[in-house]
Amino acid sequence: MQRRSSRIYMTATLLIAGVVAGAAIAQAIREHSWEPIWSVAWLPAVLVVTLRGSANTRECLPRLRRRARS
């Protein structure tokens, strides 16, 4: 179930980002200005953070140093 909800979340995120980018491009064409494009320049950074795989908790924890038994 979690895999399916993740796929739906990813699809919705890409769809919303596409709509926002499309609206910014349309507004830039109407205004003959780059300002609307610069206003959504943060969008790729948000997509990278949102769509990358979540980190495994074991990767975040430091490795335990164990003493070798003699």
N, C-alpha and C. Protein backbone atom coordinates (compact mmCIF):
# COMPACT_ATOMS: atom_id res chain seq x y z
N MET A 1 0.82 -1.19 0.00
CA MET A 1 0.00 0.00 0.00
C MET A 1 0.86 1.25 0.00
N GLN A 2 1.96 1.21 0.75
CA GLN A 2 2.81 2.38 0.83
C GLN A 2 3.44 2.69 -0.53
N ARG A 3 3.77 1.68 -1.30
CA ARG A 3 4.38 1.86 -2.62
C ARG A 3 3.41 2.59 -3.55
N ARG A 4 2.12 2.22 -3.49
CA ARG A 4 1.13 2.83 -4.35
C ARG A 4 0.91 4.30 -3.97
N SER A 5 0.84 4.59 -2.68
CA SER A 5 0.64 5.97 -2.24
C SER A 5 1.85 6.82 -2.61
N SER A 6 3.03 6.22 -2.58
CA SER A 6 4.23 6.94 -2.98
C SER A 6 4.17 7.30 -4.47
N ARG A 7 3.70 6.38 -5.28
CA ARG A 7 3.58 6.63 -6.72
C ARG A 7 2.54 7.71 -7.00
N ILE A 8 1.44 7.69 -6.27
CA ILE A 8 0.41 8.72 -6.43
C ILE A 8 0.96 10.08 -6.02
N TYR A 9 1.70 10.10 -4.92
CA TYR A 9 2.31 11.35 -4.44
C TYR A 9 3.29 11.90 -5.47
N MET A 10 4.11 11.04 -6.07
CA MET A 10 5.08 11.48 -7.07
C MET A 10 4.36 12.02 -8.31
N THR A 11 3.33 11.34 -8.75
CA THR A 11 2.57 11.78 -9.91
C THR A 11 1.90 13.13 -9.65
N ALA A 12 1.30 13.28 -8.49
CA ALA A 12 0.65 14.54 -8.15
C ALA A 12 1.67 15.68 -8.08
N THR A 13 2.85 15.40 -7.53
CA THR A 13 3.89 16.42 -7.42
C THR A 13 4.35 16.87 -8.80
N LEU A 14 4.59 15.92 -9.69
CA LEU A 14 5.01 16.26 -11.06
C LEU A 14 3.91 17.01 -11.81
N LEU A 15 2.67 16.61 -11.61
CA LEU A 15 1.56 17.29 -12.28
C LEU A 15 1.42 18.74 -11.80
N ILE A 16 1.49 18.94 -10.51
CA ILE A 16 1.39 20.30 -9.97
C ILE A 16 2.57 21.16 -10.43
N ALA A 17 3.77 20.59 -10.43
CA ALA A 17 4.95 21.33 -10.89
C ALA A 17 4.81 21.69 -12.37
N GLY A 18 4.27 20.79 -13.15
CA GLY A 18 4.05 21.08 -14.57
C GLY A 18 3.05 22.20 -14.79
N VAL A 19 1.99 22.20 -14.00
CA VAL A 19 0.99 23.26 -14.12
C VAL A 19 1.59 24.61 -13.73
N VAL A 20 2.34 24.64 -12.63
CA VAL A 20 2.97 25.90 -12.18
C VAL A 20 3.97 26.40 -13.21
N ALA A 21 4.81 25.51 -13.74
CA ALA A 21 5.80 25.91 -14.74
C ALA A 21 5.10 26.37 -16.01
N GLY A 22 4.06 25.68 -16.43
CA GLY A 22 3.32 26.08 -17.63
C GLY A 22 2.67 27.44 -17.47
N ALA A 23 2.10 27.68 -16.31
CA ALA A 23 1.48 28.99 -16.06
C ALA A 23 2.53 30.10 -16.06
N ALA A 24 3.70 29.81 -15.51
CA ALA A 24 4.77 30.82 -15.51
C ALA A 24 5.26 31.10 -16.92
N ILE A 25 5.37 30.08 -17.74
CA ILE A 25 5.80 30.28 -19.13
C ILE A 25 4.76 31.07 -19.90
N ALA A 26 3.49 30.74 -19.72
CA ALA A 26 2.42 31.48 -20.40
C ALA A 26 2.41 32.95 -19.98
N GLN A 27 2.60 33.20 -18.70
CA GLN A 27 2.62 34.58 -18.22
C GLN A 27 3.84 35.32 -18.76
N ALA A 28 4.98 34.64 -18.85
CA ALA A 28 6.19 35.27 -19.39
C ALA A 28 5.99 35.64 -20.85
N ILE A 29 5.30 34.81 -21.60
CA ILE A 29 5.05 35.12 -23.01
C ILE A 29 4.10 36.31 -23.13
N ARG A 30 3.07 36.34 -22.29
CA ARG A 30 2.12 37.46 -22.33
C ARG A 30 2.79 38.78 -21.97
N GLU A 31 3.66 38.75 -20.97
CA GLU A 31 4.29 39.98 -20.48
C GLU A 31 5.56 40.35 -21.23
N HIS A 32 6.07 39.44 -22.07
CA HIS A 32 7.35 39.64 -22.76
C HIS A 32 8.44 39.97 -21.74
N SER A 33 8.49 39.16 -20.68
CA SER A 33 9.43 39.38 -19.59
C SER A 33 9.89 38.04 -19.03
N TRP A 34 11.11 38.04 -18.49
CA TRP A 34 11.64 36.85 -17.86
C TRP A 34 11.25 36.74 -16.39
N GLU A 35 10.65 37.76 -15.83
CA GLU A 35 10.33 37.80 -14.41
C GLU A 35 9.49 36.60 -13.93
N PRO A 36 8.45 36.19 -14.66
CA PRO A 36 7.69 35.01 -14.18
C PRO A 36 8.53 33.73 -14.16
N ILE A 37 9.46 33.60 -15.07
CA ILE A 37 10.33 32.42 -15.09
C ILE A 37 11.24 32.44 -13.86
N TRP A 38 11.79 33.60 -13.54
CA TRP A 38 12.67 33.70 -12.36
C TRP A 38 11.89 33.47 -11.08
N SER A 39 10.60 33.76 -11.09
CA SER A 39 9.82 33.58 -9.87
C SER A 39 9.57 32.10 -9.54
N VAL A 40 9.70 31.21 -10.52
CA VAL A 40 9.54 29.77 -10.26
C VAL A 40 10.86 29.03 -10.42
N ALA A 41 11.97 29.72 -10.33
CA ALA A 41 13.28 29.09 -10.48
C ALA A 41 13.58 28.13 -9.32
N TRP A 42 12.89 28.26 -8.22
CA TRP A 42 13.08 27.38 -7.06
C TRP A 42 12.43 26.01 -7.28
N LEU A 43 11.58 25.89 -8.28
CA LEU A 43 10.82 24.67 -8.49
C LEU A 43 11.70 23.42 -8.71
N PRO A 44 12.75 23.46 -9.53
CA PRO A 44 13.58 22.24 -9.68
C PRO A 44 14.21 21.77 -8.36
N ALA A 45 14.60 22.69 -7.52
CA ALA A 45 15.19 22.30 -6.23
C ALA A 45 14.16 21.59 -5.36
N VAL A 46 12.94 22.07 -5.36
CA VAL A 46 11.88 21.43 -4.58
C VAL A 46 11.57 20.04 -5.13
N LEU A 47 11.58 19.91 -6.45
CA LEU A 47 11.31 18.60 -7.06
C LEU A 47 12.40 17.59 -6.70
N VAL A 48 13.64 18.01 -6.70
CA VAL A 48 14.73 17.09 -6.36
C VAL A 48 14.58 16.60 -4.93
N VAL A 49 14.29 17.50 -4.02
CA VAL A 49 14.15 17.11 -2.61
C VAL A 49 12.90 16.24 -2.42
N THR A 50 11.83 16.56 -3.10
CA THR A 50 10.58 15.83 -2.93
C THR A 50 10.64 14.44 -3.54
N LEU A 51 11.22 14.30 -4.70
CA LEU A 51 11.14 13.05 -5.44
C LEU A 51 12.29 12.09 -5.18
N ARG A 52 13.32 12.52 -4.50
CA ARG A 52 14.41 11.58 -4.23
C ARG A 52 13.94 10.56 -3.20
N GLY A 53 14.55 9.41 -3.22
CA GLY A 53 14.15 8.35 -2.30
C GLY A 53 14.49 8.74 -0.87
N SER A 54 13.66 8.30 0.02
CA SER A 54 13.93 8.61 1.43
C SER A 54 15.14 7.82 1.90
N ALA A 55 15.88 8.41 2.78
CA ALA A 55 17.10 7.78 3.28
C ALA A 55 16.75 6.61 4.20
N ASN A 56 17.53 5.61 4.13
CA ASN A 56 17.38 4.48 5.02
C ASN A 56 17.89 4.89 6.40
N THR A 57 17.18 4.52 7.43
CA THR A 57 17.57 4.95 8.78
C THR A 57 18.93 4.38 9.17
N ARG A 58 19.27 3.21 8.67
CA ARG A 58 20.58 2.63 8.99
C ARG A 58 21.72 3.44 8.37
N GLU A 59 21.46 4.09 7.23
CA GLU A 59 22.49 4.90 6.61
C GLU A 59 22.76 6.17 7.41
N CYS A 60 21.78 6.63 8.15
CA CYS A 60 21.93 7.86 8.92
C CYS A 60 22.64 7.63 10.25
N LEU A 61 22.55 6.43 10.78
CA LEU A 61 23.15 6.15 12.08
C LEU A 61 24.64 5.88 11.92
N PRO A 62 25.44 6.36 12.86
CA PRO A 62 26.87 6.05 12.80
C PRO A 62 27.11 4.57 13.07
N ARG A 63 28.16 4.07 12.49
CA ARG A 63 28.49 2.65 12.71
C ARG A 63 29.02 2.45 14.11
N LEU A 64 28.64 1.34 14.69
CA LEU A 64 29.11 1.02 16.03
C LEU A 64 30.51 0.42 15.94
N ARG A 65 31.36 0.87 16.81
CA ARG A 65 32.72 0.32 16.86
C ARG A 65 32.73 -0.77 17.90
N ARG A 66 32.99 -1.95 17.46
CA ARG A 66 33.01 -3.08 18.38
C ARG A 66 34.45 -3.54 18.58
N ARG A 67 34.75 -3.85 19.80
CA ARG A 67 36.09 -4.36 20.10
C ARG A 67 36.16 -5.84 19.74
N ALA A 68 37.28 -6.20 19.19
CA ALA A 68 37.49 -7.60 18.86
C ALA A 68 37.78 -8.36 20.14
N ARG A 69 37.16 -9.49 20.30
CA ARG A 69 37.38 -10.30 21.50
C ARG A 69 38.63 -11.13 21.31
N SER A 70 39.46 -11.20 22.35
CA SER A 70 40.70 -11.97 22.26
C SER A 70 40.52 -13.34 22.86
